[in-house]
Amino acid sequence: MGTGIALDLGSSGFRAEAVDLSQGEVMAGAFSTCHQLPGKNVIDHILFSLTYGQDLAHRIIIKTVNRLIEMVADAREVELLAVCGNPIQLGLLTNGEIRDLAFSPDAMMRKGIAMPSRDERVMDARKLGFAARCNILVPPAIKAEVGADGIAMIMKSGMLHEPLAIGIDFGTNAEMALTQGSRILVGSAAAYQPGHAGRSRGYL
């Protein structure tokens, strides 16, 4: 097996790591010092997309990720991409529906916006605009509140094997998970600054 790329799309920046798929070792990494869309949080990113077009937002993000990949690997040798991020960042990356994250259910009905599926997907990276010719693995989200970054935290931390555990992914957008036996409670909130704080929650 050759090279894989692990992508983390944060609300304040992106990170890419080249992974030796045969050894499971990280070979190189690169990150952006800021998010490439204007604004300081996910609400700003949605507003930009609704104002100037989601296709533009998608192209900006893909261009940034391609530059990061070029810094850590030869795109022609990449055999697999895997990405994590909150539902808004993944929606912008894949050019999927994000308007349900901006409008209330009543407004969605008036505008004819259907609730999208955020199940796991395997997509053709080339069709999304990536330089790499391979598949991209997109993990699922928990409802609209907790995305693949929260899922990754739960799976990789080992907290599922503990009788009682709390995991926190604290960034511009923060996720928390509480596991007790077979029960998992998750929630997320804007965490950039007090003036932008909000609360939402979902359940597995």
N, C-alpha and C. Protein backbone atom coordinates (compact mmCIF):
# COMPACT_ATOMS: atom_id res chain seq x y z
N MET A 1 0.84 -1.19 0.00
CA MET A 1 0.00 0.00 0.00
C MET A 1 0.88 1.24 0.00
N GLY A 2 0.34 2.34 -0.54
CA GLY A 2 1.12 3.54 -0.69
C GLY A 2 0.81 4.61 0.34
N THR A 3 0.50 5.80 -0.14
CA THR A 3 0.32 6.96 0.71
C THR A 3 -1.16 7.31 0.87
N GLY A 4 -1.54 7.62 2.08
CA GLY A 4 -2.87 8.13 2.36
C GLY A 4 -2.76 9.52 2.93
N ILE A 5 -3.82 10.30 2.81
CA ILE A 5 -3.85 11.65 3.35
C ILE A 5 -4.99 11.74 4.36
N ALA A 6 -4.67 12.18 5.57
CA ALA A 6 -5.68 12.44 6.59
C ALA A 6 -5.91 13.95 6.65
N LEU A 7 -7.16 14.37 6.47
CA LEU A 7 -7.50 15.79 6.47
C LEU A 7 -8.37 16.12 7.68
N ASP A 8 -8.04 17.19 8.36
CA ASP A 8 -8.87 17.71 9.45
C ASP A 8 -9.27 19.12 9.06
N LEU A 9 -10.57 19.31 8.80
CA LEU A 9 -11.08 20.61 8.41
C LEU A 9 -11.68 21.30 9.63
N GLY A 10 -10.93 22.19 10.23
CA GLY A 10 -11.40 22.91 11.39
C GLY A 10 -12.08 24.21 11.00
N SER A 11 -12.77 24.82 11.95
CA SER A 11 -13.44 26.09 11.68
C SER A 11 -12.46 27.25 11.62
N SER A 12 -11.24 27.04 12.13
CA SER A 12 -10.24 28.11 12.11
C SER A 12 -9.00 27.74 11.29
N GLY A 13 -9.01 26.58 10.65
CA GLY A 13 -7.87 26.19 9.82
C GLY A 13 -7.93 24.72 9.45
N PHE A 14 -7.08 24.32 8.51
CA PHE A 14 -7.05 22.95 8.01
C PHE A 14 -5.70 22.31 8.29
N ARG A 15 -5.69 21.00 8.38
CA ARG A 15 -4.44 20.25 8.55
C ARG A 15 -4.47 19.02 7.66
N ALA A 16 -3.32 18.71 7.06
CA ALA A 16 -3.18 17.51 6.24
C ALA A 16 -1.95 16.74 6.71
N GLU A 17 -2.09 15.42 6.80
CA GLU A 17 -0.96 14.56 7.15
C GLU A 17 -0.85 13.44 6.14
N ALA A 18 0.35 13.19 5.68
CA ALA A 18 0.62 12.06 4.79
C ALA A 18 0.92 10.84 5.65
N VAL A 19 0.24 9.74 5.36
CA VAL A 19 0.36 8.53 6.16
C VAL A 19 0.85 7.38 5.28
N ASP A 20 1.84 6.66 5.76
CA ASP A 20 2.29 5.43 5.11
C ASP A 20 1.25 4.36 5.40
N LEU A 21 0.45 3.99 4.41
CA LEU A 21 -0.65 3.06 4.64
C LEU A 21 -0.20 1.66 5.02
N SER A 22 1.00 1.28 4.63
CA SER A 22 1.48 -0.06 4.97
C SER A 22 1.98 -0.13 6.41
N GLN A 23 2.49 0.99 6.94
CA GLN A 23 3.03 1.01 8.30
C GLN A 23 2.13 1.75 9.29
N GLY A 24 1.20 2.55 8.77
CA GLY A 24 0.35 3.34 9.65
C GLY A 24 1.06 4.49 10.32
N GLU A 25 2.16 4.94 9.73
CA GLU A 25 2.95 6.01 10.34
C GLU A 25 2.78 7.32 9.58
N VAL A 26 2.76 8.42 10.34
CA VAL A 26 2.67 9.75 9.74
C VAL A 26 4.05 10.14 9.20
N MET A 27 4.10 10.52 7.92
CA MET A 27 5.37 10.85 7.29
C MET A 27 5.61 12.36 7.24
N ALA A 28 4.54 13.15 7.10
CA ALA A 28 4.70 14.60 7.02
C ALA A 28 3.36 15.26 7.30
N GLY A 29 3.41 16.52 7.70
CA GLY A 29 2.17 17.24 7.98
C GLY A 29 2.30 18.71 7.59
N ALA A 30 1.16 19.33 7.31
CA ALA A 30 1.12 20.76 6.99
C ALA A 30 -0.23 21.30 7.42
N PHE A 31 -0.28 22.58 7.75
CA PHE A 31 -1.55 23.16 8.20
C PHE A 31 -1.64 24.61 7.74
N SER A 32 -2.86 25.09 7.64
CA SER A 32 -3.09 26.49 7.32
C SER A 32 -3.15 27.28 8.62
N THR A 33 -2.75 28.52 8.57
CA THR A 33 -2.74 29.34 9.78
C THR A 33 -4.08 30.02 10.02
N CYS A 34 -5.00 29.88 9.07
CA CYS A 34 -6.34 30.43 9.24
C CYS A 34 -7.29 29.72 8.28
N HIS A 35 -8.58 29.89 8.50
CA HIS A 35 -9.56 29.37 7.56
C HIS A 35 -9.56 30.27 6.33
N GLN A 36 -9.69 29.69 5.15
CA GLN A 36 -9.58 30.46 3.93
C GLN A 36 -10.85 31.24 3.58
N LEU A 37 -11.96 30.93 4.22
CA LEU A 37 -13.17 31.72 4.03
C LEU A 37 -13.21 32.86 5.04
N PRO A 38 -13.71 34.03 4.67
CA PRO A 38 -13.79 35.15 5.61
C PRO A 38 -14.64 34.81 6.82
N GLY A 39 -14.27 35.34 7.96
CA GLY A 39 -15.05 35.13 9.16
C GLY A 39 -14.28 34.36 10.22
N LYS A 40 -14.87 34.28 11.40
CA LYS A 40 -14.20 33.67 12.55
C LYS A 40 -14.91 32.44 13.09
N ASN A 41 -16.01 32.04 12.45
CA ASN A 41 -16.75 30.90 12.96
C ASN A 41 -17.61 30.31 11.85
N VAL A 42 -18.31 29.22 12.16
CA VAL A 42 -19.07 28.51 11.15
C VAL A 42 -20.25 29.34 10.63
N ILE A 43 -20.81 30.20 11.46
CA ILE A 43 -21.91 31.05 11.01
C ILE A 43 -21.43 31.99 9.91
N ASP A 44 -20.24 32.56 10.09
CA ASP A 44 -19.66 33.42 9.05
C ASP A 44 -19.45 32.65 7.76
N HIS A 45 -19.02 31.39 7.87
CA HIS A 45 -18.76 30.59 6.67
C HIS A 45 -20.05 30.26 5.93
N ILE A 46 -21.12 29.98 6.68
CA ILE A 46 -22.41 29.76 6.04
C ILE A 46 -22.90 31.04 5.36
N LEU A 47 -22.76 32.17 6.06
CA LEU A 47 -23.20 33.45 5.50
C LEU A 47 -22.46 33.77 4.21
N PHE A 48 -21.15 33.53 4.18
CA PHE A 48 -20.37 33.75 2.97
C PHE A 48 -20.90 32.89 1.84
N SER A 49 -21.17 31.62 2.15
CA SER A 49 -21.63 30.69 1.12
C SER A 49 -23.00 31.08 0.58
N LEU A 50 -23.91 31.51 1.46
CA LEU A 50 -25.24 31.90 1.02
C LEU A 50 -25.20 33.22 0.25
N THR A 51 -24.26 34.08 0.59
CA THR A 51 -24.18 35.40 -0.05
C THR A 51 -23.48 35.34 -1.41
N TYR A 52 -22.37 34.61 -1.47
CA TYR A 52 -21.54 34.62 -2.68
C TYR A 52 -21.59 33.30 -3.46
N GLY A 53 -22.30 32.32 -2.93
CA GLY A 53 -22.44 31.06 -3.64
C GLY A 53 -21.62 29.95 -3.00
N GLN A 54 -22.26 28.82 -2.76
CA GLN A 54 -21.55 27.71 -2.14
C GLN A 54 -20.49 27.13 -3.07
N ASP A 55 -20.71 27.22 -4.36
CA ASP A 55 -19.72 26.69 -5.30
C ASP A 55 -18.39 27.43 -5.15
N LEU A 56 -18.46 28.75 -4.93
CA LEU A 56 -17.23 29.52 -4.71
C LEU A 56 -16.56 29.07 -3.42
N ALA A 57 -17.33 28.92 -2.35
CA ALA A 57 -16.76 28.47 -1.08
C ALA A 57 -16.11 27.09 -1.24
N HIS A 58 -16.78 26.21 -1.97
CA HIS A 58 -16.24 24.87 -2.23
C HIS A 58 -14.91 24.94 -2.96
N ARG A 59 -14.84 25.77 -4.00
CA ARG A 59 -13.60 25.87 -4.78
C ARG A 59 -12.45 26.44 -3.94
N ILE A 60 -12.74 27.40 -3.08
CA ILE A 60 -11.70 27.97 -2.22
C ILE A 60 -11.15 26.91 -1.27
N ILE A 61 -12.04 26.11 -0.70
CA ILE A 61 -11.59 25.08 0.24
C ILE A 61 -10.80 23.99 -0.48
N ILE A 62 -11.27 23.55 -1.62
CA ILE A 62 -10.55 22.52 -2.38
C ILE A 62 -9.17 23.02 -2.79
N LYS A 63 -9.08 24.28 -3.23
CA LYS A 63 -7.78 24.84 -3.61
C LYS A 63 -6.82 24.84 -2.43
N THR A 64 -7.32 25.19 -1.26
CA THR A 64 -6.48 25.21 -0.06
C THR A 64 -6.01 23.81 0.31
N VAL A 65 -6.93 22.85 0.29
CA VAL A 65 -6.57 21.47 0.65
C VAL A 65 -5.58 20.89 -0.35
N ASN A 66 -5.76 21.19 -1.64
CA ASN A 66 -4.81 20.71 -2.65
C ASN A 66 -3.41 21.25 -2.39
N ARG A 67 -3.32 22.50 -1.97
CA ARG A 67 -2.00 23.09 -1.67
C ARG A 67 -1.37 22.40 -0.47
N LEU A 68 -2.18 22.07 0.54
CA LEU A 68 -1.65 21.37 1.71
C LEU A 68 -1.16 19.97 1.33
N ILE A 69 -1.93 19.28 0.49
CA ILE A 69 -1.53 17.95 0.06
C ILE A 69 -0.21 18.00 -0.70
N GLU A 70 -0.06 19.01 -1.56
CA GLU A 70 1.19 19.17 -2.32
C GLU A 70 2.39 19.34 -1.40
N MET A 71 2.16 19.90 -0.22
CA MET A 71 3.26 20.14 0.72
C MET A 71 3.72 18.88 1.42
N VAL A 72 2.88 17.83 1.43
CA VAL A 72 3.23 16.63 2.20
C VAL A 72 3.39 15.38 1.34
N ALA A 73 2.91 15.41 0.09
CA ALA A 73 2.98 14.19 -0.73
C ALA A 73 2.83 14.54 -2.20
N ASP A 74 3.19 13.59 -3.03
CA ASP A 74 2.93 13.68 -4.47
C ASP A 74 1.50 13.21 -4.70
N ALA A 75 0.65 14.11 -5.19
CA ALA A 75 -0.77 13.78 -5.37
C ALA A 75 -0.97 12.54 -6.24
N ARG A 76 -0.03 12.29 -7.17
CA ARG A 76 -0.16 11.14 -8.06
C ARG A 76 0.04 9.82 -7.32
N GLU A 77 0.65 9.87 -6.14
CA GLU A 77 0.92 8.66 -5.37
C GLU A 77 -0.09 8.44 -4.24
N VAL A 78 -1.02 9.37 -4.08
CA VAL A 78 -2.01 9.25 -3.00
C VAL A 78 -3.06 8.22 -3.40
N GLU A 79 -3.25 7.23 -2.55
CA GLU A 79 -4.19 6.14 -2.84
C GLU A 79 -5.51 6.27 -2.08
N LEU A 80 -5.53 7.11 -1.05
CA LEU A 80 -6.74 7.24 -0.24
C LEU A 80 -6.72 8.56 0.51
N LEU A 81 -7.88 9.22 0.57
CA LEU A 81 -8.06 10.42 1.38
C LEU A 81 -9.11 10.12 2.44
N ALA A 82 -8.88 10.60 3.65
CA ALA A 82 -9.88 10.49 4.72
C ALA A 82 -10.01 11.86 5.36
N VAL A 83 -11.23 12.28 5.64
CA VAL A 83 -11.45 13.64 6.12
C VAL A 83 -12.33 13.63 7.35
N CYS A 84 -12.09 14.56 8.27
CA CYS A 84 -13.01 14.78 9.37
C CYS A 84 -13.20 16.27 9.56
N GLY A 85 -14.31 16.64 10.16
CA GLY A 85 -14.66 18.03 10.37
C GLY A 85 -16.11 18.13 10.79
N ASN A 86 -16.55 19.31 11.16
CA ASN A 86 -17.95 19.46 11.54
C ASN A 86 -18.83 19.46 10.29
N PRO A 87 -20.15 19.31 10.45
CA PRO A 87 -21.03 19.18 9.27
C PRO A 87 -20.93 20.33 8.28
N ILE A 88 -20.67 21.54 8.76
CA ILE A 88 -20.57 22.68 7.85
C ILE A 88 -19.32 22.57 6.98
N GLN A 89 -18.18 22.26 7.60
CA GLN A 89 -16.95 22.15 6.82
C GLN A 89 -17.02 20.99 5.82
N LEU A 90 -17.60 19.86 6.24
CA LEU A 90 -17.73 18.73 5.32
C LEU A 90 -18.71 19.05 4.20
N GLY A 91 -19.77 19.80 4.53
CA GLY A 91 -20.72 20.19 3.50
C GLY A 91 -20.09 21.10 2.46
N LEU A 92 -19.23 22.01 2.91
CA LEU A 92 -18.55 22.90 1.97
C LEU A 92 -17.52 22.13 1.14
N LEU A 93 -16.82 21.19 1.76
CA LEU A 93 -15.82 20.40 1.04
C LEU A 93 -16.47 19.56 -0.06
N THR A 94 -17.59 18.92 0.27
CA THR A 94 -18.23 18.01 -0.67
C THR A 94 -19.29 18.69 -1.53
N ASN A 95 -19.50 19.99 -1.30
CA ASN A 95 -20.54 20.75 -2.00
C ASN A 95 -21.92 20.17 -1.70
N GLY A 96 -22.09 19.69 -0.48
CA GLY A 96 -23.37 19.14 -0.05
C GLY A 96 -24.27 20.21 0.55
N GLU A 97 -25.45 19.82 0.94
CA GLU A 97 -26.44 20.75 1.49
C GLU A 97 -26.00 21.28 2.86
N ILE A 98 -26.00 22.59 3.03
CA ILE A 98 -25.71 23.20 4.33
C ILE A 98 -26.80 24.17 4.75
N ARG A 99 -27.77 24.42 3.88
CA ARG A 99 -28.77 25.43 4.20
C ARG A 99 -29.64 25.03 5.38
N ASP A 100 -29.77 23.72 5.63
CA ASP A 100 -30.55 23.29 6.79
C ASP A 100 -29.89 23.70 8.10
N LEU A 101 -28.58 24.02 8.05
CA LEU A 101 -27.85 24.47 9.23
C LEU A 101 -28.00 25.97 9.45
N ALA A 102 -28.62 26.65 8.49
CA ALA A 102 -28.77 28.10 8.58
C ALA A 102 -30.20 28.53 8.86
N PHE A 103 -31.19 27.69 8.47
CA PHE A 103 -32.58 28.09 8.57
C PHE A 103 -33.35 27.21 9.54
N SER A 104 -34.40 27.76 10.11
CA SER A 104 -35.30 27.00 10.98
C SER A 104 -36.10 26.02 10.14
N PRO A 105 -36.71 24.99 10.77
CA PRO A 105 -37.54 24.05 9.99
C PRO A 105 -38.65 24.74 9.20
N ASP A 106 -39.29 25.75 9.79
CA ASP A 106 -40.34 26.47 9.07
C ASP A 106 -39.79 27.17 7.84
N ALA A 107 -38.64 27.83 7.99
CA ALA A 107 -38.02 28.52 6.86
C ALA A 107 -37.58 27.53 5.80
N MET A 108 -37.09 26.37 6.22
CA MET A 108 -36.69 25.34 5.26
C MET A 108 -37.89 24.89 4.43
N MET A 109 -39.04 24.72 5.09
CA MET A 109 -40.24 24.29 4.38
C MET A 109 -40.67 25.35 3.36
N ARG A 110 -40.62 26.61 3.77
CA ARG A 110 -41.01 27.69 2.86
C ARG A 110 -40.08 27.79 1.66
N LYS A 111 -38.79 27.52 1.88
CA LYS A 111 -37.80 27.63 0.82
C LYS A 111 -37.63 26.33 0.02
N GLY A 112 -38.35 25.28 0.42
CA GLY A 112 -38.26 24.01 -0.29
C GLY A 112 -36.94 23.29 -0.07
N ILE A 113 -36.35 23.45 1.12
CA ILE A 113 -35.07 22.81 1.43
C ILE A 113 -35.34 21.49 2.14
N ALA A 114 -34.84 20.40 1.59
CA ALA A 114 -35.02 19.08 2.19
C ALA A 114 -33.88 18.79 3.17
N MET A 115 -34.20 18.07 4.24
CA MET A 115 -33.18 17.68 5.20
C MET A 115 -32.24 16.65 4.56
N PRO A 116 -30.95 16.95 4.49
CA PRO A 116 -30.03 16.02 3.81
C PRO A 116 -29.62 14.85 4.69
N SER A 117 -29.13 13.81 4.07
CA SER A 117 -28.53 12.70 4.79
C SER A 117 -27.06 13.03 5.05
N ARG A 118 -26.61 12.76 6.26
CA ARG A 118 -25.20 12.95 6.57
C ARG A 118 -24.58 11.62 7.00
N ASP A 119 -24.96 10.56 6.28
CA ASP A 119 -24.37 9.25 6.52
C ASP A 119 -22.96 9.21 5.94
N GLU A 120 -22.23 8.17 6.30
CA GLU A 120 -20.88 8.01 5.76
C GLU A 120 -20.94 7.82 4.25
N ARG A 121 -19.91 8.30 3.56
CA ARG A 121 -19.87 8.22 2.10
C ARG A 121 -18.45 7.93 1.63
N VAL A 122 -18.36 7.27 0.49
CA VAL A 122 -17.10 7.13 -0.24
C VAL A 122 -17.30 7.86 -1.56
N MET A 123 -16.48 8.89 -1.80
CA MET A 123 -16.67 9.74 -2.96
C MET A 123 -15.42 9.74 -3.82
N ASP A 124 -15.59 10.10 -5.08
CA ASP A 124 -14.48 10.22 -6.02
C ASP A 124 -13.82 11.57 -5.79
N ALA A 125 -12.59 11.57 -5.27
CA ALA A 125 -11.91 12.81 -4.95
C ALA A 125 -11.72 13.70 -6.18
N ARG A 126 -11.47 13.08 -7.33
CA ARG A 126 -11.23 13.84 -8.55
C ARG A 126 -12.48 14.65 -8.94
N LYS A 127 -13.67 14.07 -8.74
CA LYS A 127 -14.90 14.76 -9.12
C LYS A 127 -15.18 15.95 -8.22
N LEU A 128 -14.60 15.94 -7.01
CA LEU A 128 -14.77 17.07 -6.10
C LEU A 128 -13.76 18.18 -6.37
N GLY A 129 -12.77 17.89 -7.21
CA GLY A 129 -11.77 18.90 -7.53
C GLY A 129 -10.41 18.65 -6.93
N PHE A 130 -10.23 17.52 -6.25
CA PHE A 130 -8.92 17.19 -5.70
C PHE A 130 -7.94 16.81 -6.80
N ALA A 131 -6.66 17.10 -6.56
CA ALA A 131 -5.63 16.71 -7.52
C ALA A 131 -5.39 15.21 -7.47
N ALA A 132 -5.61 14.61 -6.31
CA ALA A 132 -5.39 13.16 -6.16
C ALA A 132 -6.50 12.38 -6.86
N ARG A 133 -6.11 11.30 -7.51
CA ARG A 133 -7.06 10.41 -8.19
C ARG A 133 -7.31 9.19 -7.31
N CYS A 134 -8.24 9.33 -6.37
CA CYS A 134 -8.52 8.24 -5.45
C CYS A 134 -9.88 8.49 -4.81
N ASN A 135 -10.26 7.61 -3.90
CA ASN A 135 -11.49 7.81 -3.16
C ASN A 135 -11.23 8.67 -1.93
N ILE A 136 -12.27 9.36 -1.48
CA ILE A 136 -12.20 10.10 -0.23
C ILE A 136 -13.27 9.54 0.71
N LEU A 137 -12.85 9.21 1.92
CA LEU A 137 -13.76 8.65 2.93
C LEU A 137 -14.32 9.80 3.77
N VAL A 138 -15.63 9.92 3.79
CA VAL A 138 -16.31 10.97 4.57
C VAL A 138 -17.12 10.29 5.66
N PRO A 139 -16.71 10.40 6.93
CA PRO A 139 -17.45 9.75 8.02
C PRO A 139 -18.81 10.42 8.23
N PRO A 140 -19.68 9.78 9.02
CA PRO A 140 -21.02 10.34 9.24
C PRO A 140 -21.00 11.45 10.28
N ALA A 141 -22.11 12.18 10.35
CA ALA A 141 -22.34 13.15 11.40
C ALA A 141 -23.46 12.64 12.29
N ILE A 142 -23.53 13.14 13.53
CA ILE A 142 -24.63 12.84 14.43
C ILE A 142 -25.62 13.98 14.31
N LYS A 143 -26.72 13.71 13.61
CA LYS A 143 -27.68 14.76 13.27
C LYS A 143 -26.92 15.89 12.57
N ALA A 144 -27.21 17.14 12.93
CA ALA A 144 -26.50 18.26 12.30
C ALA A 144 -25.51 18.91 13.24
N GLU A 145 -25.45 18.43 14.48
CA GLU A 145 -24.69 19.14 15.49
C GLU A 145 -23.25 18.66 15.65
N VAL A 146 -23.04 17.36 15.59
CA VAL A 146 -21.72 16.80 15.86
C VAL A 146 -21.25 16.06 14.62
N GLY A 147 -20.12 16.48 14.10
CA GLY A 147 -19.64 15.94 12.84
C GLY A 147 -18.62 14.83 13.00
N ALA A 148 -17.88 14.62 11.93
CA ALA A 148 -16.90 13.53 11.88
C ALA A 148 -15.77 13.75 12.87
N ASP A 149 -15.48 15.01 13.25
CA ASP A 149 -14.44 15.24 14.24
C ASP A 149 -14.87 14.69 15.60
N GLY A 150 -16.15 14.85 15.95
CA GLY A 150 -16.65 14.27 17.19
C GLY A 150 -16.65 12.75 17.15
N ILE A 151 -17.03 12.18 15.99
CA ILE A 151 -17.00 10.72 15.83
C ILE A 151 -15.57 10.20 15.99
N ALA A 152 -14.61 10.89 15.37
CA ALA A 152 -13.21 10.46 15.47
C ALA A 152 -12.72 10.50 16.91
N MET A 153 -13.13 11.54 17.63
CA MET A 153 -12.73 11.64 19.05
C MET A 153 -13.25 10.45 19.84
N ILE A 154 -14.52 10.10 19.63
CA ILE A 154 -15.12 8.98 20.36
C ILE A 154 -14.42 7.66 20.01
N MET A 155 -14.16 7.45 18.72
CA MET A 155 -13.60 6.18 18.27
C MET A 155 -12.13 6.02 18.65
N LYS A 156 -11.34 7.08 18.47
CA LYS A 156 -9.89 6.96 18.65
C LYS A 156 -9.43 7.12 20.09
N SER A 157 -10.23 7.74 20.93
CA SER A 157 -9.80 7.97 22.31
C SER A 157 -9.88 6.72 23.17
N GLY A 158 -10.65 5.73 22.73
CA GLY A 158 -10.83 4.52 23.54
C GLY A 158 -11.88 4.67 24.60
N MET A 159 -12.61 5.79 24.61
CA MET A 159 -13.59 6.03 25.66
C MET A 159 -14.76 5.06 25.62
N LEU A 160 -15.00 4.42 24.47
CA LEU A 160 -16.08 3.44 24.38
C LEU A 160 -15.81 2.21 25.23
N HIS A 161 -14.55 2.01 25.60
CA HIS A 161 -14.18 0.83 26.39
C HIS A 161 -14.11 1.13 27.88
N GLU A 162 -14.47 2.35 28.27
CA GLU A 162 -14.46 2.73 29.68
C GLU A 162 -15.89 2.76 30.22
N PRO A 163 -16.08 2.43 31.52
CA PRO A 163 -17.44 2.45 32.08
C PRO A 163 -18.04 3.85 32.11
N LEU A 164 -17.21 4.88 32.28
CA LEU A 164 -17.68 6.26 32.30
C LEU A 164 -16.55 7.15 31.81
N ALA A 165 -16.82 7.94 30.78
CA ALA A 165 -15.76 8.77 30.21
C ALA A 165 -16.34 10.02 29.58
N ILE A 166 -15.54 11.07 29.56
CA ILE A 166 -15.90 12.32 28.90
C ILE A 166 -14.78 12.68 27.93
N GLY A 167 -15.15 13.03 26.72
CA GLY A 167 -14.18 13.49 25.73
C GLY A 167 -14.58 14.87 25.24
N ILE A 168 -13.59 15.75 25.09
CA ILE A 168 -13.87 17.12 24.65
C ILE A 168 -12.92 17.48 23.52
N ASP A 169 -13.48 17.93 22.42
CA ASP A 169 -12.70 18.47 21.30
C ASP A 169 -12.96 19.98 21.31
N PHE A 170 -12.01 20.73 21.87
CA PHE A 170 -12.24 22.16 22.09
C PHE A 170 -11.49 22.98 21.04
N GLY A 171 -12.23 23.58 20.15
CA GLY A 171 -11.65 24.46 19.14
C GLY A 171 -12.59 25.63 18.91
N THR A 172 -12.54 26.21 17.72
CA THR A 172 -13.48 27.28 17.40
C THR A 172 -14.91 26.77 17.53
N ASN A 173 -15.11 25.53 17.11
CA ASN A 173 -16.36 24.82 17.37
C ASN A 173 -16.00 23.65 18.27
N ALA A 174 -16.72 23.48 19.38
CA ALA A 174 -16.34 22.47 20.37
C ALA A 174 -17.37 21.36 20.43
N GLU A 175 -16.90 20.13 20.60
CA GLU A 175 -17.75 18.97 20.77
C GLU A 175 -17.43 18.28 22.10
N MET A 176 -18.45 17.73 22.72
CA MET A 176 -18.26 16.97 23.96
C MET A 176 -19.05 15.67 23.85
N ALA A 177 -18.47 14.61 24.37
CA ALA A 177 -19.14 13.32 24.40
C ALA A 177 -19.03 12.72 25.80
N LEU A 178 -20.12 12.15 26.28
CA LEU A 178 -20.15 11.46 27.56
C LEU A 178 -20.62 10.04 27.30
N THR A 179 -19.80 9.07 27.69
CA THR A 179 -20.19 7.66 27.53
C THR A 179 -20.38 7.03 28.89
N GLN A 180 -21.47 6.28 29.03
CA GLN A 180 -21.76 5.53 30.24
C GLN A 180 -22.34 4.19 29.82
N GLY A 181 -21.50 3.17 29.88
CA GLY A 181 -21.91 1.88 29.38
C GLY A 181 -22.15 1.96 27.88
N SER A 182 -23.34 1.57 27.45
CA SER A 182 -23.66 1.59 26.03
C SER A 182 -24.31 2.90 25.59
N ARG A 183 -24.51 3.82 26.52
CA ARG A 183 -25.17 5.07 26.21
C ARG A 183 -24.13 6.15 25.90
N ILE A 184 -24.38 6.91 24.82
CA ILE A 184 -23.48 7.99 24.43
C ILE A 184 -24.29 9.26 24.26
N LEU A 185 -23.90 10.31 24.98
CA LEU A 185 -24.51 11.62 24.84
C LEU A 185 -23.49 12.56 24.21
N VAL A 186 -23.91 13.33 23.22
CA VAL A 186 -22.98 14.23 22.55
C VAL A 186 -23.62 15.61 22.41
N GLY A 187 -22.79 16.63 22.33
CA GLY A 187 -23.27 17.98 22.13
C GLY A 187 -22.19 18.84 21.51
N SER A 188 -22.57 19.99 21.00
CA SER A 188 -21.59 20.90 20.41
C SER A 188 -22.02 22.32 20.69
N ALA A 189 -21.05 23.24 20.60
CA ALA A 189 -21.34 24.65 20.82
C ALA A 189 -20.25 25.49 20.17
N ALA A 190 -20.63 26.66 19.70
CA ALA A 190 -19.63 27.63 19.24
C ALA A 190 -18.77 28.01 20.43
N ALA A 191 -17.46 28.08 20.23
CA ALA A 191 -16.55 28.30 21.36
C ALA A 191 -15.51 29.37 21.07
N TYR A 192 -15.73 30.17 20.03
CA TYR A 192 -14.70 31.16 19.66
C TYR A 192 -14.58 32.23 20.72
N GLN A 193 -15.70 32.83 21.15
CA GLN A 193 -15.68 33.85 22.18
C GLN A 193 -17.07 33.91 22.81
N PRO A 194 -17.19 34.45 24.04
CA PRO A 194 -18.48 34.44 24.73
C PRO A 194 -19.61 35.05 23.91
N GLY A 195 -19.34 36.07 23.16
CA GLY A 195 -20.38 36.73 22.38
C GLY A 195 -20.94 35.86 21.27
N HIS A 196 -20.24 34.77 20.93
CA HIS A 196 -20.68 33.88 19.86
C HIS A 196 -21.15 32.54 20.41
N ALA A 197 -21.28 32.43 21.72
CA ALA A 197 -21.60 31.13 22.31
C ALA A 197 -23.03 30.71 21.97
N GLY A 198 -23.23 29.41 21.80
CA GLY A 198 -24.55 28.86 21.55
C GLY A 198 -24.55 27.41 21.97
N ARG A 199 -25.71 26.80 21.99
CA ARG A 199 -25.79 25.41 22.43
C ARG A 199 -26.64 24.60 21.47
N SER A 200 -26.24 23.39 21.26
CA SER A 200 -27.04 22.44 20.50
C SER A 200 -26.65 21.05 20.97
N ARG A 201 -27.48 20.07 20.69
CA ARG A 201 -27.15 18.73 21.15
C ARG A 201 -27.79 17.67 20.26
N GLY A 202 -27.22 16.49 20.28
CA GLY A 202 -27.77 15.37 19.55
C GLY A 202 -27.49 14.09 20.33
N TYR A 203 -28.05 12.97 19.90
CA TYR A 203 -27.91 11.73 20.64
C TYR A 203 -27.63 10.58 19.69
N LEU A 204 -26.80 9.66 20.14
CA LEU A 204 -26.59 8.40 19.43
C LEU A 204 -27.54 7.37 20.03
